[in-house]
């Protein structure tokens, strides 16, 4: 990907045109991650990941957050990770359709759907670079990243987001046992959505006990907006805390190594498709062939 092309598209977006920004996102989405160079933004924005099990109401809650943040004067971008179409490989756009009602009268909100394309971790492989691009544009205060329905170990969102919201609902059985194997450890804030259902208070109590922290569990009813203003206030409070005393910069630096490892993994996987392997040989020999091919092809 040509860095000058990216810079030109971002510059045009700053003039108030969504088209060039959408084009830049498309270029980043369709480029191998090792070919994408997104310069560090002069001004960081808050990247908020929204994840949780299927059926938790993530899309509706994301829509309510768009509404609350935008109406409070925040500039918002949304990256919605959708399942891939089995025919085209593109995003199915289910999340975007559920958010449309909250976009009316808010032309300053930028929403883009990305196809998961089989990526692990409930996020698309290009999500990290797309979030960086939106931050680089300087047009947004908050970037919301909504994942596809996440299972217990699909925790890649932590590599993308500064703050991870784990959304769950009453009635999943023991909420802590349902999600603690992976998502509990990476979440910064917890949301019990559909809190008008029986068992909501008990679910919130379980989460507080498991997290060992107070003030990080919120109860919402996304359908009517109950509790969303308080959730937004909690998100804003965390952002102020991250920006104090260099915490944000330190956290992002700590993630650099794992980010590089994910790009390396994608590179090796790409190289492996061109290597002829013998299923009767030792696994170590097959791995050695793949790594040799990856090493020989790697150029900077």
Protein backbone atom coordinates (compact mmCIF):
# COMPACT_ATOMS: atom_id res chain seq x y z
CA UNK A 1 0.00 0.00 0.00
CA UNK A 2 1.38 3.37 -1.04
CA UNK A 3 1.78 5.63 2.05
CA UNK A 4 1.35 8.70 -0.16
CA UNK A 5 -2.01 7.40 -1.40
CA UNK A 6 -3.12 6.90 2.19
CA UNK A 7 -1.96 10.39 3.18
CA UNK A 8 -3.84 11.92 0.23
CA UNK A 9 -7.08 10.14 1.10
CA UNK A 10 -6.82 11.14 4.78
CA UNK A 11 -6.13 14.77 3.81
CA UNK A 12 -9.24 14.86 1.62
CA UNK A 13 -11.31 13.32 4.41
CA UNK A 14 -10.22 16.15 6.70
CA UNK A 15 -11.81 18.55 4.23
CA UNK A 16 -15.18 17.04 5.12
CA UNK A 17 -15.62 14.25 2.59
CA UNK A 18 -16.54 10.75 3.78
CA UNK A 19 -15.84 9.21 0.36
CA UNK A 20 -12.02 9.41 0.56
CA UNK A 21 -12.08 8.07 4.13
CA UNK A 22 -14.25 5.13 3.06
CA UNK A 23 -11.84 4.52 0.17
CA UNK A 24 -8.87 4.56 2.56
CA UNK A 25 -10.60 2.04 4.83
CA UNK A 26 -11.24 -0.21 1.81
CA UNK A 27 -7.59 -0.05 0.78
CA UNK A 28 -6.46 -0.94 4.30
CA UNK A 29 -9.06 -3.71 4.63
CA UNK A 30 -8.00 -5.35 1.37
CA UNK A 31 -4.24 -5.05 1.92
CA UNK A 32 -2.13 -7.69 3.70
CA UNK A 33 -1.33 -6.34 7.18
CA UNK A 34 2.43 -6.46 6.55
CA UNK A 35 1.99 -4.05 3.63
CA UNK A 36 0.07 -1.43 5.62
CA UNK A 37 1.94 1.41 7.29
CA UNK A 38 -0.33 3.73 9.28
CA UNK A 39 1.69 6.55 10.86
CA UNK A 40 1.20 7.26 14.53
CA UNK A 41 -1.52 9.83 15.12
CA UNK A 42 -0.56 13.11 16.74
CA UNK A 43 -3.75 13.02 18.79
CA UNK A 44 -5.08 9.69 20.13
CA UNK A 45 -8.75 8.82 20.19
CA UNK A 46 -10.48 6.36 22.48
CA UNK A 47 -10.86 2.95 20.82
CA UNK A 48 -13.65 1.08 22.61
CA UNK A 49 -14.22 -2.61 21.90
CA UNK A 50 -17.72 -4.01 22.42
CA UNK A 51 -17.85 -7.79 22.68
CA UNK A 52 -19.84 -10.58 24.28
CA UNK A 53 -21.89 -13.68 23.50
CA UNK A 54 -24.38 -13.78 20.62
CA UNK A 55 -27.81 -12.42 21.50
CA UNK A 56 -26.57 -9.99 24.14
CA UNK A 57 -27.86 -6.97 22.21
CA UNK A 58 -24.45 -5.57 21.26
CA UNK A 59 -25.63 -3.85 18.09
CA UNK A 60 -28.55 -2.09 19.78
CA UNK A 61 -26.32 -1.06 22.68
CA UNK A 62 -23.73 0.24 20.20
CA UNK A 63 -26.47 2.26 18.54
CA UNK A 64 -27.49 3.75 21.87
CA UNK A 65 -23.85 4.64 22.59
CA UNK A 66 -23.63 6.34 19.19
CA UNK A 67 -26.72 8.34 20.11
CA UNK A 68 -25.45 9.27 23.58
CA UNK A 69 -21.89 10.13 22.53
CA UNK A 70 -22.88 12.11 19.44
CA UNK A 71 -25.56 14.06 21.28
CA UNK A 72 -22.96 14.93 23.93
CA UNK A 73 -20.76 16.49 21.25
CA UNK A 74 -18.37 13.58 20.70
CA UNK A 75 -17.24 12.73 17.17
CA UNK A 76 -17.89 9.01 16.66
CA UNK A 77 -16.70 6.35 14.23
CA UNK A 78 -17.96 2.76 14.31
CA UNK A 79 -16.28 -0.37 12.99
CA UNK A 80 -18.83 -3.20 12.94
CA UNK A 81 -17.40 -6.68 12.40
CA UNK A 82 -19.97 -8.78 10.57
CA UNK A 83 -19.92 -12.42 9.49
CA UNK A 84 -18.66 -12.94 5.95
CA UNK A 85 -20.96 -13.76 3.06
CA UNK A 86 -20.27 -17.34 1.93
CA UNK A 87 -20.63 -16.16 -1.69
CA UNK A 88 -18.77 -12.85 -1.91
CA UNK A 89 -16.66 -12.89 1.25
CA UNK A 90 -18.02 -9.43 2.09
CA UNK A 91 -19.74 -8.34 5.28
CA UNK A 92 -23.35 -9.46 5.73
CA UNK A 93 -24.17 -5.99 7.19
CA UNK A 94 -26.52 -7.21 9.90
CA UNK A 95 -25.01 -4.93 12.54
CA UNK A 96 -25.22 -1.88 10.26
CA UNK A 97 -28.91 -2.47 9.64
CA UNK A 98 -29.64 -2.61 13.38
CA UNK A 99 -27.77 0.68 13.93
CA UNK A 100 -29.47 2.67 11.18
CA UNK A 101 -32.22 4.03 13.43
CA UNK A 102 -29.59 5.73 15.61
CA UNK A 103 -27.80 7.36 12.66
CA UNK A 104 -30.73 9.51 11.52
CA UNK A 105 -29.94 13.18 12.10
CA UNK A 106 -26.32 12.42 12.99
CA UNK A 107 -24.40 12.90 9.72
CA UNK A 108 -21.11 13.27 11.57
CA UNK A 109 -21.07 9.59 12.57
CA UNK A 110 -18.94 7.37 10.34
CA UNK A 111 -19.91 3.68 10.23
CA UNK A 112 -18.06 0.95 8.40
CA UNK A 113 -18.72 -2.79 8.36
CA UNK A 114 -15.81 -5.19 8.00
CA UNK A 115 -16.15 -8.85 7.09
CA UNK A 116 -14.64 -11.24 9.61
CA UNK A 117 -13.39 -13.46 6.75
CA UNK A 118 -12.79 -16.33 9.10
CA UNK A 119 -10.45 -14.40 11.40
CA UNK A 120 -10.10 -15.72 14.93
CA UNK A 121 -10.85 -13.62 17.97
CA UNK A 122 -14.21 -12.19 16.81
CA UNK A 123 -12.50 -9.34 14.92
CA UNK A 124 -11.47 -8.98 11.30
CA UNK A 125 -7.77 -9.27 10.53
CA UNK A 126 -7.65 -5.65 9.30
CA UNK A 127 -9.40 -4.15 12.34
CA UNK A 128 -6.23 -2.93 14.05
CA UNK A 129 -5.08 -0.98 11.01
CA UNK A 130 -8.56 0.40 10.27
CA UNK A 131 -8.83 1.71 13.86
CA UNK A 132 -5.40 3.33 13.53
CA UNK A 133 -6.44 4.91 10.24
CA UNK A 134 -9.58 6.43 11.78
CA UNK A 135 -7.46 7.77 14.62
CA UNK A 136 -4.93 9.20 12.16
CA UNK A 137 -7.67 11.12 10.35
CA UNK A 138 -8.12 13.31 13.43
CA UNK A 139 -11.85 13.39 12.77
CA UNK A 140 -13.03 11.36 15.74
CA UNK A 141 -12.96 11.36 19.53
CA UNK A 142 -14.20 7.79 19.91
CA UNK A 143 -13.96 4.70 17.70
CA UNK A 144 -16.41 1.94 18.66
CA UNK A 145 -15.44 -1.56 17.49
CA UNK A 146 -18.27 -4.08 17.73
CA UNK A 147 -17.20 -7.70 17.35
CA UNK A 148 -19.16 -10.64 16.02
CA UNK A 149 -20.61 -12.89 18.72
CA UNK A 150 -17.64 -13.91 20.86
CA UNK A 151 -16.94 -17.23 22.52
CA UNK A 152 -14.91 -17.86 25.63
CA UNK A 153 -11.44 -17.60 24.12
CA UNK A 154 -12.04 -15.03 21.38
CA UNK A 155 -10.15 -12.20 23.01
CA UNK A 156 -8.26 -10.56 20.12
CA UNK A 157 -10.29 -7.38 20.69
CA UNK A 158 -7.93 -6.55 23.57
CA UNK A 159 -5.15 -6.00 21.02
CA UNK A 160 -7.28 -3.41 19.21
CA UNK A 161 -9.11 -1.53 21.94
CA UNK A 162 -8.04 0.80 24.74
CA UNK A 163 -11.18 -0.18 26.63
CA UNK A 164 -13.04 -3.48 26.29
CA UNK A 165 -16.74 -3.64 27.18
CA UNK A 166 -18.07 -7.14 27.83
CA UNK A 167 -21.83 -7.26 27.22
CA UNK A 168 -23.89 -10.09 28.66
CA UNK A 169 -27.51 -10.66 29.67
CA UNK A 170 -29.38 -12.37 32.50
CA UNK A 171 -30.46 -15.92 31.91
CA UNK A 172 -27.22 -17.41 30.59
CA UNK A 173 -26.88 -19.64 33.63
CA UNK A 174 -23.86 -18.85 35.76
CA UNK A 175 -22.69 -15.72 33.93
CA UNK A 176 -19.20 -15.92 35.37
CA UNK A 177 -18.66 -19.55 34.33
CA UNK A 178 -20.08 -18.76 30.90
CA UNK A 179 -17.47 -16.16 30.05
CA UNK A 180 -14.61 -16.23 32.52
CA UNK A 181 -12.42 -18.63 30.52
CA UNK A 182 -11.31 -15.80 28.26
CA UNK A 183 -13.30 -12.61 28.08
CA UNK A 184 -13.50 -11.99 31.82
CA UNK A 185 -9.74 -11.58 31.99
CA UNK A 186 -9.51 -8.94 29.27
CA UNK A 187 -12.63 -6.85 29.91
CA UNK A 188 -12.23 -3.41 31.46
CA UNK A 189 -15.94 -2.80 31.97
CA UNK A 190 -18.97 -5.11 32.12
CA UNK A 191 -22.49 -4.42 30.89
CA UNK A 192 -25.53 -6.44 31.93
CA UNK A 193 -27.88 -5.59 29.08
CA UNK A 194 -31.62 -6.34 29.11
CA UNK A 195 -31.47 -5.47 32.79
CA UNK A 196 -35.27 -5.36 32.99
CA UNK A 197 -35.25 -9.16 32.93
CA UNK A 198 -35.30 -11.28 36.08
CA UNK A 199 -31.87 -12.11 37.42
CA UNK A 200 -30.13 -8.94 36.24
CA UNK A 201 -29.05 -7.84 39.72
CA UNK A 202 -27.70 -11.33 40.48
CA UNK A 203 -25.73 -11.38 37.21
CA UNK A 204 -24.25 -7.97 38.02
CA UNK A 205 -23.29 -9.18 41.49
CA UNK A 206 -21.53 -12.24 40.07
CA UNK A 207 -19.58 -10.06 37.67
CA UNK A 208 -18.49 -7.65 40.41
CA UNK A 209 -17.27 -10.55 42.53
CA UNK A 210 -15.41 -12.14 39.63
CA UNK A 211 -13.84 -8.87 38.50
CA UNK A 212 -12.81 -7.93 42.01
CA UNK A 213 -13.49 -4.31 41.15
CA UNK A 214 -16.26 -1.88 41.97
CA UNK A 215 -17.78 0.64 39.58
CA UNK A 216 -17.05 -1.36 36.43
CA UNK A 217 -20.39 -3.18 36.09
CA UNK A 218 -23.25 -1.31 34.44
CA UNK A 219 -26.84 -2.34 33.86
CA UNK A 220 -28.61 -1.19 30.70
CA UNK A 221 -31.78 -1.71 28.71
CA UNK A 222 -30.62 -0.86 25.22
CA UNK A 223 -34.11 -0.99 23.72
CA UNK A 224 -35.20 2.13 25.65
CA UNK A 225 -31.79 3.58 26.54
CA UNK A 226 -31.95 2.98 30.28
CA UNK A 227 -28.50 3.17 31.86
CA UNK A 228 -26.70 4.23 28.66
CA UNK A 229 -25.88 7.74 29.92
CA UNK A 230 -24.23 6.24 33.00
CA UNK A 231 -22.31 3.79 30.80
CA UNK A 232 -21.10 6.65 28.61
CA UNK A 233 -19.96 8.52 31.72
CA UNK A 234 -18.03 5.43 32.83
CA UNK A 235 -16.33 5.18 29.44
CA UNK A 236 -15.37 8.85 29.55
CA UNK A 237 -14.02 8.48 33.08
CA UNK A 238 -11.81 5.57 32.01
CA UNK A 239 -10.49 7.62 29.07
CA UNK A 240 -9.46 10.43 31.42
CA UNK A 241 -7.74 7.85 33.64
CA UNK A 242 -5.87 6.34 30.67
CA UNK A 243 -4.63 9.72 29.52
CA UNK A 244 -3.28 10.61 32.96
CA UNK A 245 0.35 9.90 33.83
CA UNK A 246 1.18 8.27 30.49
CA UNK A 247 -1.00 5.19 31.05
CA UNK A 248 -2.40 5.15 27.49
CA UNK A 249 1.03 5.38 25.85
CA UNK A 250 2.42 2.70 28.13
CA UNK A 251 -0.49 0.33 27.45
CA UNK A 252 -0.22 0.75 23.69
CA UNK A 253 3.52 0.15 23.77
CA UNK A 254 2.97 -3.05 25.73
CA UNK A 255 0.69 -4.31 22.95
CA UNK A 256 3.19 -3.66 20.18
CA UNK A 257 4.91 -7.03 20.50
CA UNK A 258 1.69 -9.04 20.31
CA UNK A 259 0.55 -6.89 17.39
CA UNK A 260 3.77 -7.68 15.51
CA UNK A 261 3.31 -11.37 16.34
CA UNK A 262 -0.18 -11.35 14.80
CA UNK A 263 1.19 -9.82 11.60
CA UNK A 264 3.97 -12.42 11.55
CA UNK A 265 1.38 -15.17 12.00
CA UNK A 266 -0.60 -13.86 9.02
CA UNK A 267 2.60 -13.71 6.94
CA UNK A 268 3.57 -17.29 7.76
CA UNK A 269 0.04 -18.51 7.04
CA UNK A 270 0.15 -16.78 3.65
CA UNK A 271 3.52 -18.34 2.83
CA UNK A 272 2.33 -21.79 3.89
CA UNK A 273 -0.17 -21.91 1.03
CA UNK A 274 2.67 -22.06 -1.50
CA UNK A 275 4.63 -24.83 0.22
CA UNK A 276 4.21 -28.44 -0.89
CA UNK A 277 3.96 -30.63 2.20
CA UNK A 278 3.99 -34.38 2.63
CA UNK A 279 1.41 -35.60 5.17
CA UNK A 280 3.61 -38.62 5.86
CA UNK A 281 6.59 -36.56 7.02
CA UNK A 282 7.22 -35.42 10.59
CA UNK A 283 5.34 -32.30 11.67
CA UNK A 284 8.64 -30.63 12.58
CA UNK A 285 9.83 -31.07 8.99
CA UNK A 286 6.68 -29.47 7.60
CA UNK A 287 7.00 -26.54 9.99
CA UNK A 288 10.64 -26.11 9.03
CA UNK A 289 9.70 -25.93 5.33
CA UNK A 290 7.05 -23.28 6.00
CA UNK A 291 9.36 -21.15 8.14
CA UNK A 292 12.14 -21.44 5.56
CA UNK A 293 9.78 -20.27 2.83
CA UNK A 294 8.56 -17.38 5.02
CA UNK A 295 12.12 -16.34 5.82
CA UNK A 296 13.22 -16.43 2.19
CA UNK A 297 10.24 -14.42 0.98
CA UNK A 298 10.35 -11.79 3.71
CA UNK A 299 11.48 -8.37 2.48
CA UNK A 300 11.07 -4.99 4.06
